[in-house]
Amino acid sequence: MKFKVLLYPSDEGVAVCAPSLPGCWSQGNDESEALANIAVAIREYLEVEVEADESLEHRGEVREVEVAV
């Protein structure tokens, strides 16, 4: 799976976010470290999302519908 990320210079080095995952941010001393850290943050973000979805589905509280735009 691939995600687009945005890199920002920061006082601590490089900040990075995944815009398609609200609140998913990380940082590193340099670009390489920031990219490695955001990969970990994305995996952890998705794990939490899957757990939450499974919990709601188990209780019958989630419905999936299609909406035409």
PDB file of N, CA and C in Angstrom:
ATOM      1  N   MET A   1       0.846  -1.162   0.000  1.00  0.00           N
ATOM      2  CA  MET A   1       0.000   0.000   0.000  1.00  0.00           C
ATOM      3  C   MET A   1       0.901   1.238   0.000  1.00  0.00           C
ATOM      4  N   LYS A   2       0.522   2.230  -0.761  1.00  0.00           N
ATOM      5  CA  LYS A   2       1.315   3.458  -0.839  1.00  0.00           C
ATOM      6  C   LYS A   2       0.482   4.646  -0.390  1.00  0.00           C
ATOM      7  N   PHE A   3       1.132   5.580   0.288  1.00  0.00           N
ATOM      8  CA  PHE A   3       0.490   6.813   0.737  1.00  0.00           C
ATOM      9  C   PHE A   3       1.360   7.987   0.329  1.00  0.00           C
ATOM     10  N   LYS A   4       0.716   9.057  -0.098  1.00  0.00           N
ATOM     11  CA  LYS A   4       1.447  10.301  -0.340  1.00  0.00           C
ATOM     12  C   LYS A   4       1.654  10.972   1.002  1.00  0.00           C
ATOM     13  N   VAL A   5       2.862  11.495   1.211  1.00  0.00           N
ATOM     14  CA  VAL A   5       3.170  12.209   2.442  1.00  0.00           C
ATOM     15  C   VAL A   5       3.747  13.573   2.082  1.00  0.00           C
ATOM     16  N   LEU A   6       3.626  14.503   3.018  1.00  0.00           N
ATOM     17  CA  LEU A   6       4.176  15.839   2.844  1.00  0.00           C
ATOM     18  C   LEU A   6       5.294  16.036   3.852  1.00  0.00           C
ATOM     19  N   LEU A   7       6.404  16.568   3.374  1.00  0.00           N
ATOM     20  CA  LEU A   7       7.571  16.828   4.222  1.00  0.00           C
ATOM     21  C   LEU A   7       7.690  18.324   4.470  1.00  0.00           C
ATOM     22  N   TYR A   8       7.963  18.692   5.712  1.00  0.00           N
ATOM     23  CA  TYR A   8       8.107  20.097   6.105  1.00  0.00           C
ATOM     24  C   TYR A   8       9.395  20.271   6.895  1.00  0.00           C
ATOM     25  N   PRO A   9      10.178  21.287   6.599  1.00  0.00           N
ATOM     26  CA  PRO A   9      11.329  21.575   7.466  1.00  0.00           C
ATOM     27  C   PRO A   9      10.804  22.023   8.833  1.00  0.00           C
ATOM     28  N   SER A  10      11.485  21.597   9.886  1.00  0.00           N
ATOM     29  CA  SER A  10      11.084  21.998  11.240  1.00  0.00           C
ATOM     30  C   SER A  10      12.332  22.294  12.061  1.00  0.00           C
ATOM     31  N   ASP A  11      12.125  22.869  13.225  1.00  0.00           N
ATOM     32  CA  ASP A  11      13.261  23.176  14.105  1.00  0.00           C
ATOM     33  C   ASP A  11      14.000  21.909  14.525  1.00  0.00           C
ATOM     34  N   GLU A  12      13.290  20.783  14.567  1.00  0.00           N
ATOM     35  CA  GLU A  12      13.896  19.510  14.985  1.00  0.00           C
ATOM     36  C   GLU A  12      14.444  18.702  13.815  1.00  0.00           C
ATOM     37  N   GLY A  13      14.240  19.152  12.582  1.00  0.00           N
ATOM     38  CA  GLY A  13      14.696  18.409  11.407  1.00  0.00           C
ATOM     39  C   GLY A  13      13.656  18.449  10.320  1.00  0.00           C
ATOM     40  N   VAL A  14      12.902  17.334  10.181  1.00  0.00           N
ATOM     41  CA  VAL A  14      11.886  17.228   9.136  1.00  0.00           C
ATOM     42  C   VAL A  14      10.608  16.663   9.744  1.00  0.00           C
ATOM     43  N   ALA A  15       9.498  17.371   9.562  1.00  0.00           N
ATOM     44  CA  ALA A  15       8.183  16.879   9.961  1.00  0.00           C
ATOM     45  C   ALA A  15       7.527  16.275   8.730  1.00  0.00           C
ATOM     46  N   VAL A  16       6.663  15.300   8.937  1.00  0.00           N
ATOM     47  CA  VAL A  16       6.020  14.618   7.818  1.00  0.00           C
ATOM     48  C   VAL A  16       4.612  14.208   8.227  1.00  0.00           C
ATOM     49  N   CYS A  17       3.675  14.331   7.263  1.00  0.00           N
ATOM     50  CA  CYS A  17       2.306  13.909   7.539  1.00  0.00           C
ATOM     51  C   CYS A  17       1.756  13.134   6.350  1.00  0.00           C
ATOM     52  N   ALA A  18       0.729  12.347   6.633  1.00  0.00           N
ATOM     53  CA  ALA A  18      -0.013  11.632   5.596  1.00  0.00           C
ATOM     54  C   ALA A  18      -1.387  12.297   5.516  1.00  0.00           C
ATOM     55  N   PRO A  19      -1.597  13.207   4.558  1.00  0.00           N
ATOM     56  CA  PRO A  19      -2.836  13.982   4.497  1.00  0.00           C
ATOM     57  C   PRO A  19      -4.112  13.140   4.429  1.00  0.00           C
ATOM     58  N   SER A  20      -4.045  11.958   3.851  1.00  0.00           N
ATOM     59  CA  SER A  20      -5.240  11.120   3.741  1.00  0.00           C
ATOM     60  C   SER A  20      -5.599  10.434   5.059  1.00  0.00           C
ATOM     61  N   LEU A  21      -4.722  10.556   6.065  1.00  0.00           N
ATOM     62  CA  LEU A  21      -4.966   9.973   7.387  1.00  0.00           C
ATOM     63  C   LEU A  21      -4.924  11.099   8.421  1.00  0.00           C
ATOM     64  N   PRO A  22      -6.059  11.700   8.727  1.00  0.00           N
ATOM     65  CA  PRO A  22      -6.086  12.851   9.627  1.00  0.00           C
ATOM     66  C   PRO A  22      -5.344  12.601  10.943  1.00  0.00           C
ATOM     67  N   GLY A  23      -4.451  13.520  11.263  1.00  0.00           N
ATOM     68  CA  GLY A  23      -3.706  13.430  12.510  1.00  0.00           C
ATOM     69  C   GLY A  23      -2.490  12.527  12.469  1.00  0.00           C
ATOM     70  N   CYS A  24      -2.201  11.944  11.320  1.00  0.00           N
ATOM     71  CA  CYS A  24      -1.054  11.034  11.207  1.00  0.00           C
ATOM     72  C   CYS A  24       0.188  11.839  10.841  1.00  0.00           C
ATOM     73  N   TRP A  25       0.999  12.134  11.848  1.00  0.00           N
ATOM     74  CA  TRP A  25       2.213  12.937  11.712  1.00  0.00           C
ATOM     75  C   TRP A  25       3.379  12.209  12.354  1.00  0.00           C
ATOM     76  N   SER A  26       4.567  12.550  11.903  1.00  0.00           N
ATOM     77  CA  SER A  26       5.790  12.086  12.547  1.00  0.00           C
ATOM     78  C   SER A  26       6.891  13.084  12.215  1.00  0.00           C
ATOM     79  N   GLN A  27       8.104  12.760  12.612  1.00  0.00           N
ATOM     80  CA  GLN A  27       9.245  13.627  12.315  1.00  0.00           C
ATOM     81  C   GLN A  27      10.524  12.808  12.392  1.00  0.00           C
ATOM     82  N   GLY A  28      11.608  13.442  11.982  1.00  0.00           N
ATOM     83  CA  GLY A  28      12.914  12.820  12.054  1.00  0.00           C
ATOM     84  C   GLY A  28      13.996  13.874  11.960  1.00  0.00           C
ATOM     85  N   ASN A  29      15.210  13.485  12.258  1.00  0.00           N
ATOM     86  CA  ASN A  29      16.335  14.411  12.168  1.00  0.00           C
ATOM     87  C   ASN A  29      16.631  14.799  10.725  1.00  0.00           C
ATOM     88  N   ASP A  30      16.314  13.877   9.788  1.00  0.00           N
ATOM     89  CA  ASP A  30      16.508  14.145   8.361  1.00  0.00           C
ATOM     90  C   ASP A  30      15.372  13.477   7.585  1.00  0.00           C
ATOM     91  N   GLU A  31      15.355  13.665   6.282  1.00  0.00           N
ATOM     92  CA  GLU A  31      14.269  13.137   5.458  1.00  0.00           C
ATOM     93  C   GLU A  31      14.162  11.621   5.550  1.00  0.00           C
ATOM     94  N   SER A  32      15.272  10.944   5.521  1.00  0.00           N
ATOM     95  CA  SER A  32      15.266   9.487   5.580  1.00  0.00           C
ATOM     96  C   SER A  32      14.641   8.982   6.874  1.00  0.00           C
ATOM     97  N   GLU A  33      15.033   9.572   7.993  1.00  0.00           N
ATOM     98  CA  GLU A  33      14.485   9.166   9.281  1.00  0.00           C
ATOM     99  C   GLU A  33      12.995   9.524   9.366  1.00  0.00           C
ATOM    100  N   ALA A  34      12.613  10.686   8.863  1.00  0.00           N
ATOM    101  CA  ALA A  34      11.206  11.102   8.879  1.00  0.00           C
ATOM    102  C   ALA A  34      10.352  10.133   8.073  1.00  0.00           C
ATOM    103  N   LEU A  35      10.830   9.704   6.909  1.00  0.00           N
ATOM    104  CA  LEU A  35      10.076   8.767   6.082  1.00  0.00           C
ATOM    105  C   LEU A  35       9.944   7.399   6.753  1.00  0.00           C
ATOM    106  N   ALA A  36      11.005   6.948   7.396  1.00  0.00           N
ATOM    107  CA  ALA A  36      10.931   5.683   8.131  1.00  0.00           C
ATOM    108  C   ALA A  36       9.928   5.800   9.284  1.00  0.00           C
ATOM    109  N   ASN A  37       9.943   6.935   9.969  1.00  0.00           N
ATOM    110  CA  ASN A  37       9.041   7.132  11.106  1.00  0.00           C
ATOM    111  C   ASN A  37       7.582   7.255  10.671  1.00  0.00           C
ATOM    112  N   ILE A  38       7.320   7.907   9.542  1.00  0.00           N
ATOM    113  CA  ILE A  38       5.926   8.029   9.096  1.00  0.00           C
ATOM    114  C   ILE A  38       5.407   6.679   8.629  1.00  0.00           C
ATOM    115  N   ALA A  39       6.273   5.824   8.098  1.00  0.00           N
ATOM    116  CA  ALA A  39       5.839   4.480   7.707  1.00  0.00           C
ATOM    117  C   ALA A  39       5.339   3.718   8.935  1.00  0.00           C
ATOM    118  N   VAL A  40       6.047   3.835  10.048  1.00  0.00           N
ATOM    119  CA  VAL A  40       5.626   3.198  11.297  1.00  0.00           C
ATOM    120  C   VAL A  40       4.310   3.820  11.768  1.00  0.00           C
ATOM    121  N   ALA A  41       4.214   5.148  11.722  1.00  0.00           N
ATOM    122  CA  ALA A  41       3.011   5.845  12.176  1.00  0.00           C
ATOM    123  C   ALA A  41       1.797   5.436  11.333  1.00  0.00           C
ATOM    124  N   ILE A  42       1.980   5.287  10.031  1.00  0.00           N
ATOM    125  CA  ILE A  42       0.878   4.879   9.153  1.00  0.00           C
ATOM    126  C   ILE A  42       0.424   3.464   9.499  1.00  0.00           C
ATOM    127  N   ARG A  43       1.361   2.549   9.676  1.00  0.00           N
ATOM    128  CA  ARG A  43       0.992   1.171  10.041  1.00  0.00           C
ATOM    129  C   ARG A  43       0.201   1.150  11.347  1.00  0.00           C
ATOM    130  N   GLU A  44       0.674   1.891  12.344  1.00  0.00           N
ATOM    131  CA  GLU A  44      -0.016   1.924  13.638  1.00  0.00           C
ATOM    132  C   GLU A  44      -1.388   2.579  13.509  1.00  0.00           C
ATOM    133  N   TYR A  45      -1.494   3.631  12.723  1.00  0.00           N
ATOM    134  CA  TYR A  45      -2.771   4.303  12.477  1.00  0.00           C
ATOM    135  C   TYR A  45      -3.767   3.320  11.878  1.00  0.00           C
ATOM    136  N   LEU A  46      -3.329   2.592  10.854  1.00  0.00           N
ATOM    137  CA  LEU A  46      -4.225   1.653  10.181  1.00  0.00           C
ATOM    138  C   LEU A  46      -4.626   0.503  11.092  1.00  0.00           C
ATOM    139  N   GLU A  47      -3.730   0.035  11.940  1.00  0.00           N
ATOM    140  CA  GLU A  47      -4.065  -1.033  12.891  1.00  0.00           C
ATOM    141  C   GLU A  47      -5.184  -0.589  13.825  1.00  0.00           C
ATOM    142  N   VAL A  48      -5.099   0.628  14.323  1.00  0.00           N
ATOM    143  CA  VAL A  48      -6.126   1.155  15.224  1.00  0.00           C
ATOM    144  C   VAL A  48      -7.447   1.306  14.479  1.00  0.00           C
ATOM    145  N   GLU A  49      -7.414   1.794  13.238  1.00  0.00           N
ATOM    146  CA  GLU A  49      -8.629   1.958  12.447  1.00  0.00           C
ATOM    147  C   GLU A  49      -9.309   0.614  12.212  1.00  0.00           C
ATOM    148  N   VAL A  50      -8.546  -0.415  11.891  1.00  0.00           N
ATOM    149  CA  VAL A  50      -9.112  -1.745  11.639  1.00  0.00           C
ATOM    150  C   VAL A  50      -9.753  -2.275  12.911  1.00  0.00           C
ATOM    151  N   GLU A  51      -9.078  -2.127  14.054  1.00  0.00           N
ATOM    152  CA  GLU A  51      -9.634  -2.597  15.325  1.00  0.00           C
ATOM    153  C   GLU A  51     -10.942  -1.886  15.631  1.00  0.00           C
ATOM    154  N   ALA A  52     -11.002  -0.580  15.418  1.00  0.00           N
ATOM    155  CA  ALA A  52     -12.218   0.185  15.688  1.00  0.00           C
ATOM    156  C   ALA A  52     -13.339  -0.255  14.751  1.00  0.00           C
ATOM    157  N   ASP A  53     -13.034  -0.435  13.472  1.00  0.00           N
ATOM    158  CA  ASP A  53     -14.038  -0.869  12.507  1.00  0.00           C
ATOM    159  C   ASP A  53     -14.587  -2.248  12.869  1.00  0.00           C
ATOM    160  N   GLU A  54     -13.702  -3.170  13.232  1.00  0.00           N
ATOM    161  CA  GLU A  54     -14.132  -4.518  13.577  1.00  0.00           C
ATOM    162  C   GLU A  54     -15.003  -4.502  14.825  1.00  0.00           C
ATOM    163  N   SER A  55     -14.666  -3.668  15.782  1.00  0.00           N
ATOM    164  CA  SER A  55     -15.454  -3.564  17.013  1.00  0.00           C
ATOM    165  C   SER A  55     -16.866  -3.070  16.715  1.00  0.00           C
ATOM    166  N   LEU A  56     -16.983  -2.043  15.878  1.00  0.00           N
ATOM    167  CA  LEU A  56     -18.296  -1.502  15.537  1.00  0.00           C
ATOM    168  C   LEU A  56     -19.103  -2.482  14.691  1.00  0.00           C
ATOM    169  N   GLU A  57     -18.450  -3.151  13.754  1.00  0.00           N
ATOM    170  CA  GLU A  57     -19.149  -4.118  12.909  1.00  0.00           C
ATOM    171  C   GLU A  57     -19.692  -5.270  13.744  1.00  0.00           C
ATOM    172  N   HIS A  58     -18.920  -5.689  14.727  1.00  0.00           N
ATOM    173  CA  HIS A  58     -19.320  -6.800  15.586  1.00  0.00           C
ATOM    174  C   HIS A  58     -20.611  -6.461  16.332  1.00  0.00           C
ATOM    175  N   ARG A  59     -20.781  -5.205  16.698  1.00  0.00           N
ATOM    176  CA  ARG A  59     -21.968  -4.775  17.433  1.00  0.00           C
ATOM    177  C   ARG A  59     -23.105  -4.391  16.497  1.00  0.00           C
ATOM    178  N   GLY A  60     -22.894  -4.481  15.204  1.00  0.00           N
ATOM    179  CA  GLY A  60     -23.940  -4.173  14.250  1.00  0.00           C
ATOM    180  C   GLY A  60     -24.218  -2.688  14.093  1.00  0.00           C
ATOM    181  N   GLU A  61     -23.259  -1.851  14.411  1.00  0.00           N
ATOM    182  CA  GLU A  61     -23.467  -0.407  14.369  1.00  0.00           C
ATOM    183  C   GLU A  61     -22.984   0.246  13.075  1.00  0.00           C
ATOM    184  N   VAL A  62     -22.371  -0.515  12.197  1.00  0.00           N
ATOM    185  CA  VAL A  62     -21.820   0.061  10.976  1.00  0.00           C
ATOM    186  C   VAL A  62     -22.575  -0.488   9.773  1.00  0.00           C
ATOM    187  N   ARG A  63     -22.942   0.425   8.871  1.00  0.00           N
ATOM    188  CA  ARG A  63     -23.531   0.030   7.604  1.00  0.00           C
ATOM    189  C   ARG A  63     -22.735   0.688   6.499  1.00  0.00           C
ATOM    190  N   GLU A  64     -22.548  -0.004   5.417  1.00  0.00           N
ATOM    191  CA  GLU A  64     -21.855   0.561   4.263  1.00  0.00           C
ATOM    192  C   GLU A  64     -22.875   0.824   3.175  1.00  0.00           C
ATOM    193  N   VAL A  65     -22.875   2.063   2.666  1.00  0.00           N
ATOM    194  CA  VAL A  65     -23.789   2.445   1.595  1.00  0.00           C
ATOM    195  C   VAL A  65     -23.013   3.211   0.537  1.00  0.00           C
ATOM    196  N   GLU A  66     -23.530   3.213  -0.689  1.00  0.00           N
ATOM    197  CA  GLU A  66     -22.907   3.977  -1.762  1.00  0.00           C
ATOM    198  C   GLU A  66     -23.686   5.265  -1.962  1.00  0.00           C
ATOM    199  N   VAL A  67     -22.966   6.348  -2.221  1.00  0.00           N
ATOM    200  CA  VAL A  67     -23.569   7.649  -2.444  1.00  0.00           C
ATOM    201  C   VAL A  67     -23.072   8.181  -3.781  1.00  0.00           C
ATOM    202  N   ALA A  68     -23.995   8.532  -4.664  1.00  0.00           N
ATOM    203  CA  ALA A  68     -23.616   9.104  -5.954  1.00  0.00           C
ATOM    204  C   ALA A  68     -23.291  10.571  -5.774  1.00  0.00           C
ATOM    205  N   VAL A  69     -22.239  11.022  -6.426  1.00  0.00           N
ATOM    206  CA  VAL A  69     -21.827  12.419  -6.334  1.00  0.00           C
ATOM    207  C   VAL A  69     -21.784  13.022  -7.721  1.00  0.00           C
TER     208      VAL A  69
END
